[in-house]
C-alpha atoms as a PDB file:
ATOM      1  CA  MET A   1      -0.063   0.043  -0.089  1.00  0.00           C
ATOM      2  CA  THR A   2       1.370   2.925  -0.874  1.00  0.00           C
ATOM      3  CA  HIS A   3       1.452   6.361   1.427  1.00  0.00           C
ATOM      4  CA  THR A   4      -1.240   8.408  -0.444  1.00  0.00           C
ATOM      5  CA  THR A   5      -3.390   5.177  -0.514  1.00  0.00           C
ATOM      6  CA  LEU A   6      -2.809   4.340   3.231  1.00  0.00           C
ATOM      7  CA  GLN A   7      -3.392   8.625   3.478  1.00  0.00           C
ATOM      8  CA  ALA A   8      -6.595   8.332   1.610  1.00  0.00           C
ATOM      9  CA  VAL A   9      -7.805   5.133   3.910  1.00  0.00           C
ATOM     10  CA  PHE A  10      -7.153   6.959   6.904  1.00  0.00           C
ATOM     11  CA  ALA A  11      -9.002   9.944   5.804  1.00  0.00           C
ATOM     12  CA  LEU A  12     -12.153   8.415   4.353  1.00  0.00           C
ATOM     13  CA  ALA A  13     -12.141   6.351   8.081  1.00  0.00           C
ATOM     14  CA  ALA A  14     -12.428   9.671   9.945  1.00  0.00           C
ATOM     15  CA  ALA A  15     -14.788  11.076   7.221  1.00  0.00           C
ATOM     16  CA  ALA A  16     -17.026   7.907   7.823  1.00  0.00           C
ATOM     17  CA  LEU A  17     -16.552   8.105  11.928  1.00  0.00           C
ATOM     18  CA  SER A  18     -17.189  11.746  12.245  1.00  0.00           C
ATOM     19  CA  LEU A  19     -20.107  11.431  10.287  1.00  0.00           C
ATOM     20  CA  GLY A  20     -21.478   8.639  12.411  1.00  0.00           C
ATOM     21  CA  VAL A  21     -21.202  10.571  15.011  1.00  0.00           C
ATOM     22  CA  ALA A  22     -22.876  13.674  13.622  1.00  0.00           C
ATOM     23  CA  ILE A  23     -25.677  11.183  12.906  1.00  0.00           C
ATOM     24  CA  TYR A  24     -25.328   9.598  16.566  1.00  0.00           C
ATOM     25  CA  GLY A  25     -25.788  13.317  18.123  1.00  0.00           C
ATOM     26  CA  PHE A  26     -28.666  14.498  16.021  1.00  0.00           C
ATOM     27  CA  ALA A  27     -30.389  10.978  16.796  1.00  0.00           C
ATOM     28  CA  LEU A  28     -29.824  11.255  20.428  1.00  0.00           C
ATOM     29  CA  ALA A  29     -32.217  14.532  20.886  1.00  0.00           C
ATOM     30  CA  PRO A  30     -33.236  15.909  17.539  1.00  0.00           C
ATOM     31  CA  ARG A  31     -35.461  18.942  19.026  1.00  0.00           C
ATOM     32  CA  HIS A  32     -32.368  20.238  20.438  1.00  0.00           C
ATOM     33  CA  VAL A  33     -30.503  23.158  19.025  1.00  0.00           C
ATOM     34  CA  VAL A  34     -27.379  22.200  20.725  1.00  0.00           C
ATOM     35  CA  HIS A  35     -27.479  18.983  19.035  1.00  0.00           C
ATOM     36  CA  ARG A  36     -28.440  20.207  15.509  1.00  0.00           C
ATOM     37  CA  ILE A  37     -25.714  22.324  15.743  1.00  0.00           C
ATOM     38  CA  PHE A  38     -23.094  20.164  17.035  1.00  0.00           C
ATOM     39  CA  ALA A  39     -24.775  17.571  14.080  1.00  0.00           C
ATOM     40  CA  VAL A  40     -23.786  19.941  11.633  1.00  0.00           C
ATOM     41  CA  VAL A  41     -19.951  20.607  13.018  1.00  0.00           C
ATOM     42  CA  MET A  42     -19.052  17.133  12.743  1.00  0.00           C
ATOM     43  CA  ALA A  43     -20.538  16.924   9.354  1.00  0.00           C
ATOM     44  CA  CYS A  44     -18.381  20.232   8.245  1.00  0.00           C
ATOM     45  CA  LEU A  45     -15.063  17.739   9.846  1.00  0.00           C
ATOM     46  CA  ALA A  46     -16.232  14.805   7.728  1.00  0.00           C
ATOM     47  CA  LEU A  47     -16.476  16.738   4.803  1.00  0.00           C
ATOM     48  CA  MET A  48     -13.348  17.907   5.490  1.00  0.00           C
ATOM     49  CA  GLN A  49     -11.587  14.533   5.760  1.00  0.00           C
ATOM     50  CA  LEU A  50     -13.579  13.437   2.822  1.00  0.00           C
ATOM     51  CA  GLY A  51     -11.802  16.295   0.928  1.00  0.00           C
ATOM     52  CA  THR A  52      -8.132  15.525   2.384  1.00  0.00           C
ATOM     53  CA  GLY A  53      -8.991  11.624   1.363  1.00  0.00           C
ATOM     54  CA  LEU A  54      -9.969  12.683  -2.208  1.00  0.00           C
ATOM     55  CA  ASN A  55      -6.942  15.275  -2.395  1.00  0.00           C
ATOM     56  CA  THR A  56      -5.416  12.105  -3.464  1.00  0.00           C
ATOM     57  CA  GLN A  57      -7.619  11.018  -6.165  1.00  0.00           C
ATOM     58  CA  LEU A  58      -9.515  14.432  -7.275  1.00  0.00           C
ATOM     59  CA  MET A  59      -8.782  18.012  -7.844  1.00  0.00           C
ATOM     60  CA  TYR A  60     -11.899  18.787  -5.942  1.00  0.00           C
ATOM     61  CA  GLY A  61     -11.234  17.607  -2.951  1.00  0.00           C
ATOM     62  CA  GLU A  62      -8.804  20.309  -1.753  1.00  0.00           C
ATOM     63  CA  HIS A  63     -11.746  22.818  -2.591  1.00  0.00           C
ATOM     64  CA  LEU A  64     -14.373  20.650  -0.409  1.00  0.00           C
ATOM     65  CA  ARG A  65     -11.540  20.952   2.187  1.00  0.00           C
ATOM     66  CA  LEU A  66     -11.073  24.587   2.144  1.00  0.00           C
ATOM     67  CA  LEU A  67     -14.672  25.410   1.908  1.00  0.00           C
ATOM     68  CA  ALA A  68     -15.688  22.784   5.089  1.00  0.00           C
ATOM     69  CA  SER A  69     -12.573  24.597   6.778  1.00  0.00           C
ATOM     70  CA  ALA A  70     -14.048  28.089   6.126  1.00  0.00           C
ATOM     71  CA  ALA A  71     -17.641  26.959   7.763  1.00  0.00           C
ATOM     72  CA  LEU A  72     -15.877  25.689  10.908  1.00  0.00           C
ATOM     73  CA  PRO A  73     -14.640  29.045  12.566  1.00  0.00           C
ATOM     74  CA  GLY A  74     -18.935  30.047  12.643  1.00  0.00           C
ATOM     75  CA  LEU A  75     -20.032  26.733  13.341  1.00  0.00           C
ATOM     76  CA  ALA A  76     -17.592  26.413  16.033  1.00  0.00           C
ATOM     77  CA  LEU A  77     -18.366  29.543  17.788  1.00  0.00           C
ATOM     78  CA  LEU A  78     -22.400  29.048  17.595  1.00  0.00           C
ATOM     79  CA  LEU A  79     -21.782  25.781  19.219  1.00  0.00           C
ATOM     80  CA  SER A  80     -19.601  27.429  22.253  1.00  0.00           C
ATOM     81  CA  VAL A  81     -22.258  29.708  21.953  1.00  0.00           C
ATOM     82  CA  CYS A  82     -25.042  27.454  22.415  1.00  0.00           C
ATOM     83  CA  PHE A  83     -23.556  24.904  24.703  1.00  0.00           C
ATOM     84  CA  ALA A  84     -23.864  24.506  28.243  1.00  0.00           C
ATOM     85  CA  ARG A  85     -26.603  27.228  28.422  1.00  0.00           C
ATOM     86  CA  PHE A  86     -30.264  27.235  29.690  1.00  0.00           C
ATOM     87  CA  ASN A  87     -31.523  29.640  27.059  1.00  0.00           C
ATOM     88  CA  PRO A  88     -29.365  29.771  23.929  1.00  0.00           C
ATOM     89  CA  ARG A  89     -31.379  32.047  21.991  1.00  0.00           C
ATOM     90  CA  GLU A  90     -30.475  35.083  24.322  1.00  0.00           C
ATOM     91  CA  HIS A  91     -26.288  33.938  23.966  1.00  0.00           C
ATOM     92  CA  VAL A  92     -26.834  33.971  20.266  1.00  0.00           C
ATOM     93  CA  ARG A  93     -28.766  37.546  20.108  1.00  0.00           C
ATOM     94  CA  ALA A  94     -26.028  38.732  22.253  1.00  0.00           C
ATOM     95  CA  TRP A  95     -23.467  37.801  19.580  1.00  0.00           C
ATOM     96  CA  GLN A  96     -25.586  38.347  16.720  1.00  0.00           C
ATOM     97  CA  TRP A  97     -22.964  40.128  14.740  1.00  0.00           C
ATOM     98  CA  ALA A  98     -20.070  38.194  15.233  1.00  0.00           C
ATOM     99  CA  ILE A  99     -21.647  34.481  14.279  1.00  0.00           C
ATOM    100  CA  PRO A 100     -22.648  35.771  10.934  1.00  0.00           C
ATOM    101  CA  ILE A 101     -19.091  37.596  10.139  1.00  0.00           C
ATOM    102  CA  ALA A 102     -17.345  34.402  11.748  1.00  0.00           C
ATOM    103  CA  LEU A 103     -19.098  32.356   9.094  1.00  0.00           C
ATOM    104  CA  ALA A 104     -19.456  34.841   6.312  1.00  0.00           C
ATOM    105  CA  VAL A 105     -15.553  36.228   6.357  1.00  0.00           C
ATOM    106  CA  PRO A 106     -13.830  33.040   5.806  1.00  0.00           C
ATOM    107  CA  LEU A 107     -16.621  31.235   3.122  1.00  0.00           C
ATOM    108  CA  GLY A 108     -16.290  34.030   1.237  1.00  0.00           C
ATOM    109  CA  LEU A 109     -12.286  34.211   1.184  1.00  0.00           C
ATOM    110  CA  ALA A 110     -12.603  30.540   0.287  1.00  0.00           C
ATOM    111  CA  MET A 111     -15.256  31.210  -2.161  1.00  0.00           C
ATOM    112  CA  LEU A 112     -13.280  33.769  -4.113  1.00  0.00           C
ATOM    113  CA  GLN A 113     -10.039  31.086  -4.299  1.00  0.00           C
ATOM    114  CA  PRO A 114     -10.453  29.282  -7.929  1.00  0.00           C
ATOM    115  CA  MET A 115     -11.030  25.703  -8.053  1.00  0.00           C
ATOM    116  CA  HIS A 116      -7.811  24.299 -10.133  1.00  0.00           C
ATOM    117  CA  ALA A 117      -5.412  27.315  -9.144  1.00  0.00           C
ATOM    118  CA  PRO A 118      -2.719  28.111  -6.509  1.00  0.00           C
ATOM    119  CA  LEU A 119      -3.284  30.410  -3.787  1.00  0.00           C
ATOM    120  CA  ASN A 120      -4.254  33.439  -4.763  1.00  0.00           C
ATOM    121  CA  TRP A 121      -4.588  36.542  -2.777  1.00  0.00           C
ATOM    122  CA  ALA A 122      -8.155  35.188  -0.902  1.00  0.00           C
ATOM    123  CA  GLY A 123      -6.612  31.851  -0.451  1.00  0.00           C
ATOM    124  CA  TYR A 124      -3.669  33.576   1.518  1.00  0.00           C
ATOM    125  CA  GLY A 125      -5.859  36.003   3.163  1.00  0.00           C
ATOM    126  CA  PHE A 126      -7.848  32.795   4.489  1.00  0.00           C
ATOM    127  CA  TYR A 127      -5.003  31.022   6.298  1.00  0.00           C
ATOM    128  CA  LEU A 128      -3.984  33.922   7.382  1.00  0.00           C
ATOM    129  CA  LEU A 129      -6.982  34.566   9.041  1.00  0.00           C
ATOM    130  CA  THR A 130      -7.294  30.911  10.191  1.00  0.00           C
ATOM    131  CA  LEU A 131      -3.517  31.255  11.932  1.00  0.00           C
ATOM    132  CA  CYS A 132      -4.730  34.788  13.507  1.00  0.00           C
ATOM    133  CA  SER A 133      -7.567  32.599  15.325  1.00  0.00           C
ATOM    134  CA  ILE A 134      -5.347  30.011  16.901  1.00  0.00           C
ATOM    135  CA  HIS A 135      -4.344  31.388  20.243  1.00  0.00           C
END
């Protein structure tokens, strides 16, 4: 088994496990908003790993991974604002401007990146934004 094939197998296994956790989290309590958000975050992580696995086989894998990783900051912020709260809507209302910005800016930068081209200013901006968000 070659290195790229092994990497693809591990990435696809991670995608399947993430999707399984997303389905389990949603099935546990489908009416709770936190479980829905958690399922979306885990599905986004599954798409990232699927993109990593497909990257060794197809060129679309890198773009899928980029889009999925761009959606994660806003979704993770939404999950952290809602998690372990008695009334999550009240807390989301307090963050009503930060959450859409955290979703729109990285996704906008990722969508401006051409699919089959090396990183342009939008790709560099997205990765710079990602690096700045790491504490």
